[in-house]
Amino acid sequence: MPHRTPTDILVLHAVRILGYAETARIAARFDLSVETTVEHLLDAQARGWVTRTPFAEDSGWSLTDLGKAHGERLLAADLDRCGIRAVVVQVHREFLPHNVAVADACTAWQLAELGIGEAIVTLDETTTRLGIAADALADFETRLVAGTDRFAGYQQRFADAVGRSSTDPGWITATDRDSCHRVWFEFHEDLIASLGLAR
């Protein structure tokens, strides 16, 4: 049975991988109750690990530098407890070429939408490239989830975004939904946070 990461770590980690998010989205990231999430966020805020910032008519949570360092220590210990550090290291190594390909595909599509650049990029070409990344992500997730369940869900979210993008290109890079770019970015952040690396 895969290792279950403690809830307090999951809440802090959700803030890390989401970057800036409201409470409900943080809770939803690891299928936690809002009440439990609020409790852990307030505790983390009291310790100086997270800060709450108003934005327009809403507010969101983000990590402080202290919280980022503390979260990385917690994740390192959690990886050692479930014994999959070597797996995460290997997955990260194999992920990097795909990361370049996804970044290139998303950037090329954004430039094409804006009418910038000389290359002609079609939607079919873009979704095909992203589909290759989805297949790789399925393999990465299978290996990671065998050791700890907190890596679950990325592949389905990414594949869903790829599928939707064939009729609504907003699913490639939009920031207001679980687009290909957003899900891929979160997975990358999950890997580097787990290993204490920088982008």
Protein backbone atom coordinates (compact mmCIF):
# COMPACT_ATOMS: atom_id res chain seq x y z
CA MET A 1 0.00 0.00 0.00
CA PRO A 2 1.45 3.42 -0.93
CA HIS A 3 2.70 5.69 1.82
CA ARG A 4 0.29 8.42 2.91
CA THR A 5 1.99 11.76 3.56
CA PRO A 6 0.81 13.45 6.80
CA THR A 7 -1.89 16.07 6.32
CA ASP A 8 0.11 19.00 7.68
CA ILE A 9 2.80 18.33 5.08
CA LEU A 10 0.22 17.99 2.30
CA VAL A 11 -1.31 21.38 3.13
CA LEU A 12 2.06 23.14 3.13
CA HIS A 13 3.06 21.29 -0.04
CA ALA A 14 -0.18 22.24 -1.81
CA VAL A 15 0.61 25.90 -1.18
CA ARG A 16 4.08 25.31 -2.67
CA ILE A 17 2.97 23.64 -5.87
CA LEU A 18 -0.01 25.94 -6.46
CA GLY A 19 2.07 29.06 -5.87
CA TYR A 20 -0.78 31.29 -4.75
CA ALA A 21 -4.22 29.88 -4.06
CA GLU A 22 -7.38 30.32 -2.05
CA THR A 23 -8.19 27.92 0.77
CA ALA A 24 -10.70 25.80 -1.16
CA ARG A 25 -8.24 25.12 -3.97
CA ILE A 26 -5.52 24.16 -1.50
CA ALA A 27 -7.92 21.74 0.21
CA ALA A 28 -9.01 20.26 -3.12
CA ARG A 29 -5.45 19.62 -4.28
CA PHE A 30 -5.09 16.59 -1.98
CA ASP A 31 -8.81 15.99 -1.37
CA LEU A 32 -8.75 17.41 2.18
CA SER A 33 -11.61 19.03 4.04
CA VAL A 34 -11.66 22.82 4.06
CA GLU A 35 -11.92 22.81 7.85
CA THR A 36 -8.79 20.70 8.29
CA THR A 37 -6.95 22.75 5.69
CA VAL A 38 -7.82 26.04 7.43
CA GLU A 39 -6.57 24.64 10.73
CA HIS A 40 -3.20 23.72 9.25
CA LEU A 41 -2.91 26.96 7.29
CA LEU A 42 -3.51 29.06 10.38
CA ASP A 43 -0.94 27.02 12.30
CA ALA A 44 1.56 27.47 9.46
CA GLN A 45 0.79 31.20 9.35
CA ALA A 46 1.47 31.49 13.09
CA ARG A 47 4.85 29.84 12.54
CA GLY A 48 5.73 32.17 9.67
CA TRP A 49 5.59 29.48 6.98
CA VAL A 50 2.72 30.92 4.94
CA THR A 51 1.20 34.32 4.42
CA ARG A 52 -2.29 35.34 3.36
CA THR A 53 -2.54 38.17 0.87
CA PRO A 54 -5.68 39.96 -0.34
CA PHE A 55 -6.12 40.20 -4.09
CA ALA A 56 -9.02 42.16 -5.60
CA GLU A 57 -12.11 40.83 -3.81
CA ASP A 58 -10.42 37.58 -2.78
CA SER A 59 -7.37 36.43 -0.86
CA GLY A 60 -4.87 33.63 -1.21
CA TRP A 61 -2.07 31.82 0.54
CA SER A 62 1.58 31.63 -0.46
CA LEU A 63 4.76 30.27 1.10
CA THR A 64 7.31 32.44 2.80
CA ASP A 65 11.01 31.70 2.29
CA LEU A 66 11.00 30.13 5.75
CA GLY A 67 8.02 27.99 4.77
CA LYS A 68 9.68 26.89 1.55
CA ALA A 69 12.82 25.75 3.39
CA HIS A 70 10.77 24.03 6.10
CA GLY A 71 8.57 22.31 3.51
CA GLU A 72 11.60 20.95 1.68
CA ARG A 73 12.94 19.48 4.93
CA LEU A 74 9.59 17.83 5.62
CA LEU A 75 9.39 16.42 2.08
CA ALA A 76 12.96 15.10 2.27
CA ALA A 77 12.17 13.26 5.48
CA ASP A 78 8.91 11.97 3.99
CA LEU A 79 10.72 10.60 0.93
CA ASP A 80 13.18 8.80 3.16
CA ARG A 81 10.35 7.32 5.25
CA CYS A 82 8.67 5.80 2.21
CA GLY A 83 11.99 4.83 0.61
CA ILE A 84 11.50 6.26 -2.87
CA ARG A 85 14.15 8.97 -3.07
CA ALA A 86 16.04 7.07 -5.77
CA VAL A 87 12.83 6.70 -7.79
CA VAL A 88 12.09 10.44 -7.58
CA VAL A 89 15.66 11.26 -8.59
CA GLN A 90 15.40 8.97 -11.63
CA VAL A 91 11.96 10.26 -12.62
CA HIS A 92 13.23 13.84 -12.41
CA ARG A 93 16.18 12.96 -14.64
CA GLU A 94 13.89 11.37 -17.25
CA PHE A 95 11.39 14.22 -16.91
CA LEU A 96 13.79 16.97 -17.95
CA PRO A 97 13.83 16.28 -21.74
CA HIS A 98 10.03 16.09 -21.72
CA ASN A 99 9.93 19.36 -19.79
CA VAL A 100 11.87 21.05 -22.59
CA ALA A 101 9.49 19.59 -25.17
CA VAL A 102 6.36 20.73 -23.29
CA ALA A 103 7.79 24.20 -22.70
CA ASP A 104 8.68 24.49 -26.39
CA ALA A 105 5.24 23.28 -27.48
CA CYS A 106 3.42 25.70 -25.18
CA THR A 107 5.63 28.65 -26.12
CA ALA A 108 5.32 27.92 -29.85
CA TRP A 109 1.54 27.74 -29.53
CA GLN A 110 1.36 31.02 -27.57
CA LEU A 111 3.49 32.76 -30.21
CA ALA A 112 1.35 31.33 -32.99
CA GLU A 113 -1.82 32.59 -31.29
CA LEU A 114 -0.27 36.04 -31.06
CA GLY A 115 0.90 35.90 -34.65
CA ILE A 116 4.53 36.22 -33.60
CA GLY A 117 7.39 34.27 -35.16
CA GLU A 118 7.96 32.69 -38.52
CA ALA A 119 7.15 29.07 -37.71
CA ILE A 120 3.67 27.80 -38.55
CA VAL A 121 2.35 25.78 -35.64
CA THR A 122 -0.93 23.90 -35.89
CA LEU A 123 -3.21 22.79 -33.11
CA ASP A 124 -2.86 19.16 -34.21
CA GLU A 125 0.94 19.35 -34.01
CA THR A 126 0.76 20.91 -30.57
CA THR A 127 -1.67 18.39 -29.13
CA THR A 128 0.38 15.53 -30.61
CA ARG A 129 3.51 16.79 -28.86
CA LEU A 130 1.60 17.21 -25.61
CA GLY A 131 0.12 13.72 -26.02
CA ILE A 132 3.63 12.26 -26.06
CA ALA A 133 4.31 14.07 -22.78
CA ALA A 134 1.06 12.67 -21.34
CA ASP A 135 2.25 9.13 -22.09
CA ALA A 136 5.55 9.82 -20.34
CA LEU A 137 3.72 11.35 -17.40
CA ALA A 138 1.62 8.19 -17.03
CA ASP A 139 4.81 6.16 -16.61
CA PHE A 140 6.32 8.65 -14.16
CA GLU A 141 3.20 8.73 -12.03
CA THR A 142 2.87 4.94 -11.90
CA ARG A 143 6.40 4.62 -10.55
CA LEU A 144 6.00 7.43 -8.04
CA VAL A 145 2.57 6.41 -6.74
CA ALA A 146 3.86 2.90 -6.02
CA GLY A 147 5.77 4.54 -3.18
CA THR A 148 3.63 7.48 -2.08
CA ASP A 149 0.12 8.49 -3.10
CA ARG A 150 0.70 12.25 -3.06
CA PHE A 151 1.94 12.10 -6.67
CA ALA A 152 -1.39 10.73 -7.91
CA GLY A 153 -3.63 12.56 -10.34
CA TYR A 154 -1.24 14.52 -12.55
CA GLN A 155 -1.51 12.27 -15.59
CA GLN A 156 -5.31 12.26 -15.64
CA ARG A 157 -5.50 16.03 -15.28
CA PHE A 158 -2.88 16.54 -18.00
CA ALA A 159 -4.49 14.04 -20.37
CA ASP A 160 -7.88 15.67 -19.82
CA ALA A 161 -6.41 19.07 -20.70
CA VAL A 162 -4.79 17.65 -23.85
CA GLY A 163 -8.09 16.11 -24.90
CA ARG A 164 -10.05 19.33 -24.30
CA SER A 165 -7.47 21.44 -26.12
CA SER A 166 -8.36 19.83 -29.45
CA THR A 167 -11.65 21.77 -29.43
CA ASP A 168 -10.72 24.59 -27.03
CA PRO A 169 -7.06 25.68 -27.36
CA GLY A 170 -7.35 27.58 -24.08
CA TRP A 171 -6.65 24.26 -22.38
CA ILE A 172 -3.05 24.41 -23.60
CA THR A 173 -1.78 27.38 -21.60
CA ALA A 174 -4.69 29.13 -19.82
CA THR A 175 -4.15 30.12 -16.20
CA ASP A 176 -7.82 30.00 -15.18
CA ARG A 177 -8.12 26.21 -15.38
CA ASP A 178 -6.17 22.94 -15.15
CA SER A 179 -4.49 23.57 -18.50
CA CYS A 180 -1.62 21.46 -19.84
CA HIS A 181 0.87 24.14 -18.86
CA ARG A 182 -0.48 24.53 -15.34
CA VAL A 183 -0.62 20.82 -14.55
CA TRP A 184 2.84 20.23 -16.00
CA PHE A 185 4.23 23.19 -14.02
CA GLU A 186 2.77 21.76 -10.80
CA PHE A 187 4.29 18.33 -11.45
CA HIS A 188 7.68 19.94 -12.07
CA GLU A 189 7.35 21.96 -8.87
CA ASP A 190 6.41 18.78 -6.99
CA LEU A 191 9.57 17.03 -8.16
CA ILE A 192 11.96 19.88 -7.39
CA ALA A 193 10.35 20.60 -4.02
CA SER A 194 10.65 16.92 -3.12
CA LEU A 195 14.33 16.90 -4.02
CA GLY A 196 15.19 20.38 -2.74
CA LEU A 197 16.23 21.58 -6.19
CA ALA A 198 15.85 24.90 -8.01
CA ARG A 199 14.28 25.31 -11.46
